[in-house]
Amino acid sequence: MQSTYFAIAFLAGLIPALFWVWFWLREDSNKPEPYFLITISFIAGMAVVPIALPLQEMALTLYSGSNVMVVWIIIEELLKYAIALTLIFWNREVDEPIDMVIYMILVALGFAALENALFIFNPLVIGDFMNSAITGSFRFLGSTLLHVLASGTVGVALALSYYRSHSFKVLAGTMGLFIAIVLHALFNFFIMDANGETILTVFLFVWMGIILLFLLFEKVKLLEQNHNLHQKLS
């Protein structure tokens, strides 16, 4: 029976994440990314979850209070970035600034899909179906978009430094990672003490962040267009 519940939870985490994959890939429809690299990025994001869990368990023995949460967030954001650097960004198909944003978002959505499945599975397996459904809905609207916002921030930092020196890229990526950790931490701290009304307020700030990310996404597109125009004129 547990395998059935996990299958349900997995699909409940996967399908909403795939919706957001479709949404963001539509924004890069002028030069679509190859399906094999999209798939690898998404699965790589999912693979971060079983890597992060034992490290987060270890953090419980070393830290206490709010420090544990901060360390957990650092582990998640650092691993998402590291796996993109290791498996994705060296590929020759990653050949324009917007790709940095797209693949960081894909990694984030893969991570969110499996993480959400685990959160949905826990109440489901003890028969708390209502709580499981509510958890899935809230994570679709909040936590999933938070992961997109955090990792997308790293992607934007890398994209805006795409045509700069290697050292500048490293600095930009580090700064993007720092901002991602801060955003993630603020969300977690506020959501912990939130009730019905304040949860919506916290979600509103996440949605506003997504709108800003979308605007930066368009700015990165213009960066590529301006670069191509400069290349033709020079």
Protein backbone atom coordinates (compact mmCIF):
# COMPACT_ATOMS: atom_id res chain seq x y z
CA MET A 1 0.00 0.00 0.00
CA GLN A 2 2.87 2.38 0.74
CA SER A 3 4.15 1.97 -2.82
CA THR A 4 0.73 3.05 -4.12
CA TYR A 5 0.73 6.08 -1.85
CA PHE A 6 4.23 7.00 -2.95
CA ALA A 7 3.22 6.69 -6.61
CA ILE A 8 0.29 9.04 -5.95
CA ALA A 9 2.51 11.46 -4.04
CA PHE A 10 5.18 11.31 -6.74
CA LEU A 11 2.67 12.17 -9.47
CA ALA A 12 1.19 14.91 -7.28
CA GLY A 13 4.65 16.44 -6.96
CA LEU A 14 5.69 15.79 -10.57
CA ILE A 15 2.70 17.05 -12.56
CA PRO A 16 2.61 20.61 -11.11
CA ALA A 17 6.40 20.87 -11.56
CA LEU A 18 6.05 19.81 -15.20
CA PHE A 19 3.47 22.56 -15.67
CA TRP A 20 6.05 25.13 -14.57
CA VAL A 21 8.65 23.46 -16.83
CA TRP A 22 6.29 23.95 -19.77
CA PHE A 23 5.63 27.56 -18.76
CA TRP A 24 9.30 28.58 -18.59
CA LEU A 25 10.32 26.68 -21.71
CA ARG A 26 7.64 28.59 -23.62
CA GLU A 27 9.56 31.77 -22.76
CA ASP A 28 12.60 30.39 -24.60
CA SER A 29 10.72 29.16 -27.67
CA ASN A 30 12.87 31.12 -30.16
CA LYS A 31 15.75 28.71 -29.63
CA PRO A 32 14.37 25.65 -27.81
CA GLU A 33 16.68 23.62 -25.61
CA PRO A 34 17.32 19.97 -26.52
CA TYR A 35 14.99 17.51 -24.80
CA PHE A 36 17.83 15.32 -23.54
CA LEU A 37 19.41 18.22 -21.65
CA ILE A 38 16.05 19.38 -20.32
CA THR A 39 15.45 15.87 -18.99
CA ILE A 40 18.94 15.58 -17.50
CA SER A 41 18.53 18.94 -15.75
CA PHE A 42 15.17 18.00 -14.25
CA ILE A 43 16.38 14.58 -13.09
CA ALA A 44 19.59 16.15 -11.73
CA GLY A 45 17.43 18.44 -9.62
CA MET A 46 15.54 15.44 -8.28
CA ALA A 47 18.85 13.71 -7.51
CA VAL A 48 19.81 16.60 -5.22
CA VAL A 49 17.07 15.58 -2.75
CA PRO A 50 18.60 12.22 -1.65
CA ILE A 51 22.01 13.90 -1.53
CA ALA A 52 20.72 16.77 0.62
CA LEU A 53 18.70 14.67 3.10
CA PRO A 54 21.62 12.91 4.87
CA LEU A 55 23.56 16.18 5.00
CA GLN A 56 20.55 17.88 6.56
CA GLU A 57 20.22 15.02 9.05
CA MET A 58 23.87 15.55 9.96
CA ALA A 59 23.19 19.26 10.47
CA LEU A 60 20.64 18.33 13.16
CA THR A 61 23.43 16.86 15.26
CA LEU A 62 25.69 19.90 14.83
CA TYR A 63 23.32 22.86 15.05
CA SER A 64 20.20 23.88 16.91
CA GLY A 65 17.32 26.34 16.61
CA SER A 66 17.16 28.61 13.59
CA ASN A 67 20.76 27.74 12.69
CA VAL A 68 19.58 24.32 11.52
CA MET A 69 17.17 25.85 9.04
CA VAL A 70 19.83 28.20 7.66
CA VAL A 71 22.26 25.30 7.18
CA TRP A 72 19.54 23.24 5.49
CA ILE A 73 18.87 26.10 3.07
CA ILE A 74 22.58 26.54 2.32
CA ILE A 75 22.85 22.80 1.60
CA GLU A 76 19.90 22.87 -0.81
CA GLU A 77 20.89 26.00 -2.73
CA LEU A 78 24.57 25.06 -2.88
CA LEU A 79 23.80 21.55 -4.16
CA LYS A 80 21.37 22.80 -6.83
CA TYR A 81 24.02 25.19 -8.09
CA ALA A 82 26.80 22.61 -7.85
CA ILE A 83 24.91 19.97 -9.82
CA ALA A 84 24.14 22.48 -12.57
CA LEU A 85 27.83 23.40 -12.76
CA THR A 86 28.86 19.75 -12.78
CA LEU A 87 26.35 18.22 -15.20
CA ILE A 88 24.83 21.01 -17.29
CA PHE A 89 26.74 24.23 -17.81
CA TRP A 90 29.77 22.70 -19.53
CA ASN A 91 27.57 21.27 -22.31
CA ARG A 92 27.99 22.94 -25.70
CA GLU A 93 24.20 23.32 -25.98
CA VAL A 94 24.42 25.91 -23.20
CA ASP A 95 25.45 28.62 -25.63
CA GLU A 96 23.54 31.80 -24.74
CA PRO A 97 22.85 33.80 -21.55
CA ILE A 98 19.19 32.78 -21.24
CA ASP A 99 20.26 29.13 -21.00
CA MET A 100 21.78 29.80 -17.59
CA VAL A 101 18.40 30.87 -16.26
CA ILE A 102 16.47 28.08 -17.97
CA TYR A 103 18.65 25.26 -16.68
CA MET A 104 18.85 26.60 -13.13
CA ILE A 105 15.04 26.77 -13.12
CA LEU A 106 14.81 23.21 -14.50
CA VAL A 107 17.11 21.94 -11.75
CA ALA A 108 14.99 23.79 -9.18
CA LEU A 109 11.77 22.29 -10.52
CA GLY A 110 13.22 18.78 -10.45
CA PHE A 111 14.22 19.34 -6.84
CA ALA A 112 10.81 20.76 -5.95
CA ALA A 113 8.99 17.86 -7.63
CA LEU A 114 10.61 15.19 -5.45
CA GLU A 115 10.65 17.33 -2.30
CA ASN A 116 6.93 18.06 -2.72
CA ALA A 117 6.25 14.35 -3.28
CA LEU A 118 7.87 13.54 0.07
CA PHE A 119 5.85 16.22 1.87
CA ILE A 120 2.64 14.92 0.28
CA PHE A 121 3.55 11.30 1.05
CA ASN A 122 4.00 11.76 4.82
CA PRO A 123 0.36 12.68 5.64
CA LEU A 124 -0.93 10.42 2.87
CA VAL A 125 0.63 7.28 4.32
CA ILE A 126 -1.14 7.81 7.68
CA GLY A 127 -4.48 8.40 5.99
CA ASP A 128 -4.59 12.19 6.40
CA PHE A 129 -5.78 12.76 2.83
CA MET A 130 -7.08 16.29 3.40
CA ASN A 131 -3.77 17.50 4.83
CA SER A 132 -1.95 15.82 1.98
CA ALA A 133 -4.08 17.66 -0.60
CA ILE A 134 -3.66 20.99 1.20
CA THR A 135 0.10 20.46 1.44
CA GLY A 136 0.32 19.77 -2.28
CA SER A 137 -1.70 22.88 -3.14
CA PHE A 138 0.31 25.19 -0.91
CA ARG A 139 3.64 23.84 -2.13
CA PHE A 140 2.54 24.29 -5.76
CA LEU A 141 1.76 27.97 -5.11
CA GLY A 142 4.54 28.71 -2.62
CA SER A 143 7.53 26.42 -2.14
CA THR A 144 7.83 25.37 -5.79
CA LEU A 145 7.89 28.98 -6.94
CA LEU A 146 10.33 29.82 -4.15
CA HIS A 147 12.77 27.25 -5.54
CA VAL A 148 12.26 28.72 -9.02
CA LEU A 149 12.88 32.23 -7.66
CA ALA A 150 15.99 31.23 -5.69
CA SER A 151 17.68 29.18 -8.42
CA GLY A 152 16.46 31.57 -11.11
CA THR A 153 18.27 34.35 -9.26
CA VAL A 154 21.52 32.41 -9.58
CA GLY A 155 20.76 31.85 -13.25
CA VAL A 156 20.13 35.56 -13.87
CA ALA A 157 23.40 36.49 -12.14
CA LEU A 158 25.27 34.05 -14.39
CA ALA A 159 23.38 35.21 -17.49
CA LEU A 160 24.14 38.91 -16.89
CA SER A 161 27.83 38.05 -16.57
CA TYR A 162 27.82 35.63 -19.52
CA TYR A 163 30.08 37.78 -21.73
CA ARG A 164 32.39 38.87 -18.92
CA SER A 165 35.63 37.33 -17.63
CA HIS A 166 35.72 33.99 -15.83
CA SER A 167 36.54 35.61 -12.49
CA PHE A 168 33.60 38.00 -12.88
CA LYS A 169 31.30 35.04 -13.62
CA VAL A 170 32.48 33.28 -10.45
CA LEU A 171 31.83 36.44 -8.44
CA ALA A 172 28.38 36.91 -10.04
CA GLY A 173 27.43 33.29 -9.41
CA THR A 174 28.53 33.56 -5.77
CA MET A 175 26.51 36.75 -5.31
CA GLY A 176 23.49 35.12 -6.96
CA LEU A 177 23.84 32.13 -4.65
CA PHE A 178 24.01 34.42 -1.61
CA ILE A 179 20.81 36.23 -2.67
CA ALA A 180 19.11 32.87 -3.31
CA ILE A 181 19.98 31.71 0.22
CA VAL A 182 18.68 34.96 1.74
CA LEU A 183 15.40 34.76 -0.21
CA HIS A 184 14.92 31.12 0.77
CA ALA A 185 15.71 31.85 4.43
CA LEU A 186 13.30 34.80 4.60
CA PHE A 187 10.51 32.66 3.15
CA ASN A 188 11.11 29.85 5.64
CA PHE A 189 11.33 32.15 8.66
CA PHE A 190 8.12 33.99 7.78
CA ILE A 191 6.17 30.87 6.79
CA MET A 192 6.99 29.14 10.10
CA ASP A 193 4.94 31.65 12.12
CA ALA A 194 2.32 32.33 9.46
CA ASN A 195 -1.40 31.69 9.85
CA GLY A 196 -4.07 31.57 7.15
CA GLU A 197 -3.93 35.26 6.29
CA THR A 198 -0.21 35.85 6.64
CA ILE A 199 0.58 32.77 4.53
CA LEU A 200 -1.10 34.51 1.60
CA THR A 201 0.99 37.61 2.30
CA VAL A 202 4.18 35.55 2.24
CA PHE A 203 3.06 33.89 -0.99
CA LEU A 204 2.30 37.32 -2.45
CA PHE A 205 5.92 38.37 -1.95
CA VAL A 206 7.06 35.16 -3.66
CA TRP A 207 4.74 35.87 -6.61
CA MET A 208 6.07 39.43 -6.80
CA GLY A 209 9.57 37.96 -6.86
CA ILE A 210 8.54 35.69 -9.74
CA ILE A 211 7.24 38.72 -11.66
CA LEU A 212 10.60 40.43 -11.11
CA LEU A 213 12.37 37.25 -12.24
CA PHE A 214 10.22 37.23 -15.36
CA LEU A 215 11.20 40.85 -16.11
CA LEU A 216 14.87 40.00 -15.61
CA PHE A 217 14.33 37.00 -17.90
CA GLU A 218 13.23 39.42 -20.63
CA LYS A 219 16.26 41.63 -19.93
CA VAL A 220 18.55 38.64 -20.43
CA LYS A 221 16.87 37.98 -23.79
CA LEU A 222 17.66 41.56 -24.82
CA LEU A 223 21.27 41.06 -23.73
CA GLU A 224 21.61 38.20 -26.22
CA GLN A 225 19.87 40.16 -28.98
CA ASN A 226 22.10 43.19 -28.45
CA HIS A 227 25.19 40.98 -28.44
CA ASN A 228 24.16 39.34 -31.73
CA LEU A 229 23.46 42.75 -33.27
CA HIS A 230 26.86 44.02 -32.16
CA GLN A 231 28.51 40.95 -33.67
CA LYS A 232 26.81 41.56 -37.03
CA LEU A 233 27.77 45.24 -37.08
CA SER A 234 31.38 44.72 -36.07
